[in-house]
Amino acid sequence: METTATVSRDGCIVPPIVGCLAYEPGDILYVASDGMHAVDDALYQDKRTFLANHLYDTFGDNLTVSVLQDTLSSFQELCSDDAVLGLIWTKEAHV
């Protein structure tokens, strides 16, 4: 690991931000490369929402990997070819 989170185009070093946050059942956390930024921009302009909220509002507990892939393919023209998306979705445990 490097000691910096990123270096901008103009050489500005952005230090890593490290912390801890408790999640609630149903929370969606996504971490994306800058290649996904256009997706959030488009969703916000069109629906005043962001990707995690859009996924939950649209699919709720029916969100699957297949549905996620289909949804993201609809944004393919907005994503750069090096876009990376990590998604953590906390759900209540059904015992």
C-alpha atoms as a PDB file:
ATOM      1  CA  MET A   1       0.000   0.000   0.000  1.00  0.00           C
ATOM      2  CA  GLU A   2       1.097   3.501  -0.686  1.00  0.00           C
ATOM      3  CA  THR A   3       0.991   6.248   1.911  1.00  0.00           C
ATOM      4  CA  THR A   4      -1.431   8.287  -0.196  1.00  0.00           C
ATOM      5  CA  ALA A   5      -4.922   7.531  -1.412  1.00  0.00           C
ATOM      6  CA  THR A   6      -4.470   9.266  -4.733  1.00  0.00           C
ATOM      7  CA  VAL A   7      -2.479  11.805  -6.672  1.00  0.00           C
ATOM      8  CA  SER A   8      -4.441  14.245  -8.825  1.00  0.00           C
ATOM      9  CA  ARG A   9      -3.532  15.275 -12.371  1.00  0.00           C
ATOM     10  CA  ASP A  10      -1.810  18.397 -11.106  1.00  0.00           C
ATOM     11  CA  GLY A  11       0.252  16.378  -8.615  1.00  0.00           C
ATOM     12  CA  CYS A  12      -1.794  17.253  -5.525  1.00  0.00           C
ATOM     13  CA  ILE A  13      -1.522  14.402  -3.011  1.00  0.00           C
ATOM     14  CA  VAL A  14      -4.762  13.439  -1.271  1.00  0.00           C
ATOM     15  CA  PRO A  15      -4.130  11.589   2.011  1.00  0.00           C
ATOM     16  CA  PRO A  16      -6.125   8.439   2.772  1.00  0.00           C
ATOM     17  CA  ILE A  17      -9.217   8.800   4.929  1.00  0.00           C
ATOM     18  CA  VAL A  18      -9.608   5.970   7.386  1.00  0.00           C
ATOM     19  CA  GLY A  19     -12.492   5.517   9.765  1.00  0.00           C
ATOM     20  CA  CYS A  20     -15.240   3.290  11.035  1.00  0.00           C
ATOM     21  CA  LEU A  21     -18.990   3.574  10.609  1.00  0.00           C
ATOM     22  CA  ALA A  22     -21.681   1.212  11.870  1.00  0.00           C
ATOM     23  CA  TYR A  23     -24.060  -0.022   9.206  1.00  0.00           C
ATOM     24  CA  GLU A  24     -27.773  -0.611   9.575  1.00  0.00           C
ATOM     25  CA  PRO A  25     -29.658  -3.447   7.855  1.00  0.00           C
ATOM     26  CA  GLY A  26     -30.563  -2.345   4.342  1.00  0.00           C
ATOM     27  CA  ASP A  27     -27.670   0.118   3.980  1.00  0.00           C
ATOM     28  CA  ILE A  28     -25.895   0.055   0.646  1.00  0.00           C
ATOM     29  CA  LEU A  29     -22.281   1.132   0.453  1.00  0.00           C
ATOM     30  CA  TYR A  30     -20.544   1.406  -2.834  1.00  0.00           C
ATOM     31  CA  VAL A  31     -17.016   2.366  -3.653  1.00  0.00           C
ATOM     32  CA  ALA A  32     -16.329   3.292  -7.232  1.00  0.00           C
ATOM     33  CA  SER A  33     -13.502   4.523  -9.369  1.00  0.00           C
ATOM     34  CA  ASP A  34     -13.766   7.870 -11.083  1.00  0.00           C
ATOM     35  CA  GLY A  35     -15.109   5.935 -14.061  1.00  0.00           C
ATOM     36  CA  MET A  36     -18.478   5.626 -12.255  1.00  0.00           C
ATOM     37  CA  HIS A  37     -18.782   9.337 -11.479  1.00  0.00           C
ATOM     38  CA  ALA A  38     -20.814  10.006 -14.631  1.00  0.00           C
ATOM     39  CA  VAL A  39     -23.432   7.440 -13.557  1.00  0.00           C
ATOM     40  CA  ASP A  40     -24.134   9.298 -10.318  1.00  0.00           C
ATOM     41  CA  ASP A  41     -24.170  12.607 -12.197  1.00  0.00           C
ATOM     42  CA  ALA A  42     -26.711  11.297 -14.718  1.00  0.00           C
ATOM     43  CA  LEU A  43     -28.919   9.752 -12.028  1.00  0.00           C
ATOM     44  CA  TYR A  44     -28.822  12.886  -9.932  1.00  0.00           C
ATOM     45  CA  GLN A  45     -29.708  15.128 -12.866  1.00  0.00           C
ATOM     46  CA  ASP A  46     -32.540  12.843 -13.980  1.00  0.00           C
ATOM     47  CA  LYS A  47     -33.956  11.470 -10.717  1.00  0.00           C
ATOM     48  CA  ARG A  48     -32.282  13.476  -7.933  1.00  0.00           C
ATOM     49  CA  THR A  49     -30.801  10.276  -6.517  1.00  0.00           C
ATOM     50  CA  PHE A  50     -27.526   8.363  -6.463  1.00  0.00           C
ATOM     51  CA  LEU A  51     -26.721   4.817  -7.557  1.00  0.00           C
ATOM     52  CA  ALA A  52     -27.047   3.134  -4.146  1.00  0.00           C
ATOM     53  CA  ASN A  53     -30.403   4.832  -3.498  1.00  0.00           C
ATOM     54  CA  HIS A  54     -31.603   4.071  -7.017  1.00  0.00           C
ATOM     55  CA  LEU A  55     -30.770   0.382  -6.626  1.00  0.00           C
ATOM     56  CA  TYR A  56     -32.539   0.090  -3.289  1.00  0.00           C
ATOM     57  CA  ASP A  57     -35.584   2.144  -4.318  1.00  0.00           C
ATOM     58  CA  THR A  58     -35.994   0.242  -7.574  1.00  0.00           C
ATOM     59  CA  PHE A  59     -35.197  -3.323  -6.551  1.00  0.00           C
ATOM     60  CA  GLY A  60     -35.302  -3.483  -2.744  1.00  0.00           C
ATOM     61  CA  ASP A  61     -34.725  -7.037  -1.562  1.00  0.00           C
ATOM     62  CA  ASN A  62     -34.913  -8.312  -5.149  1.00  0.00           C
ATOM     63  CA  LEU A  63     -31.485  -6.915  -6.043  1.00  0.00           C
ATOM     64  CA  THR A  64     -29.270  -9.670  -7.413  1.00  0.00           C
ATOM     65  CA  VAL A  65     -25.948  -9.729  -9.209  1.00  0.00           C
ATOM     66  CA  SER A  66     -27.809 -10.279 -12.487  1.00  0.00           C
ATOM     67  CA  VAL A  67     -30.100  -7.289 -11.895  1.00  0.00           C
ATOM     68  CA  LEU A  68     -27.100  -5.173 -10.912  1.00  0.00           C
ATOM     69  CA  GLN A  69     -25.256  -6.131 -14.098  1.00  0.00           C
ATOM     70  CA  ASP A  70     -28.311  -5.305 -16.215  1.00  0.00           C
ATOM     71  CA  THR A  71     -28.744  -1.957 -14.471  1.00  0.00           C
ATOM     72  CA  LEU A  72     -25.106  -0.997 -14.902  1.00  0.00           C
ATOM     73  CA  SER A  73     -25.133  -2.056 -18.556  1.00  0.00           C
ATOM     74  CA  SER A  74     -27.774   0.631 -19.139  1.00  0.00           C
ATOM     75  CA  PHE A  75     -25.149   3.159 -18.004  1.00  0.00           C
ATOM     76  CA  GLN A  76     -22.363   1.622 -20.081  1.00  0.00           C
ATOM     77  CA  GLU A  77     -22.027   4.615 -22.382  1.00  0.00           C
ATOM     78  CA  LEU A  78     -21.463   6.846 -19.326  1.00  0.00           C
ATOM     79  CA  CYS A  79     -18.778   4.680 -17.714  1.00  0.00           C
ATOM     80  CA  SER A  80     -15.179   4.841 -18.743  1.00  0.00           C
ATOM     81  CA  ASP A  81     -13.616   1.558 -19.803  1.00  0.00           C
ATOM     82  CA  ASP A  82     -11.697   1.330 -16.525  1.00  0.00           C
ATOM     83  CA  ALA A  83     -14.668   1.840 -14.180  1.00  0.00           C
ATOM     84  CA  VAL A  84     -14.547  -0.262 -11.020  1.00  0.00           C
ATOM     85  CA  LEU A  85     -17.470  -0.755  -8.659  1.00  0.00           C
ATOM     86  CA  GLY A  86     -17.523  -2.459  -5.275  1.00  0.00           C
ATOM     87  CA  LEU A  87     -20.885  -2.917  -3.593  1.00  0.00           C
ATOM     88  CA  ILE A  88     -21.642  -3.935  -0.001  1.00  0.00           C
ATOM     89  CA  TRP A  89     -25.315  -4.383   0.805  1.00  0.00           C
ATOM     90  CA  THR A  90     -26.239  -5.124   4.400  1.00  0.00           C
ATOM     91  CA  LYS A  91     -29.418  -7.110   4.798  1.00  0.00           C
ATOM     92  CA  GLU A  92     -31.208  -8.357   7.874  1.00  0.00           C
ATOM     93  CA  ALA A  93     -30.378 -11.933   8.745  1.00  0.00           C
ATOM     94  CA  HIS A  94     -33.425 -14.191   8.489  1.00  0.00           C
ATOM     95  CA  VAL A  95     -33.065 -16.973  11.018  1.00  0.00           C
END
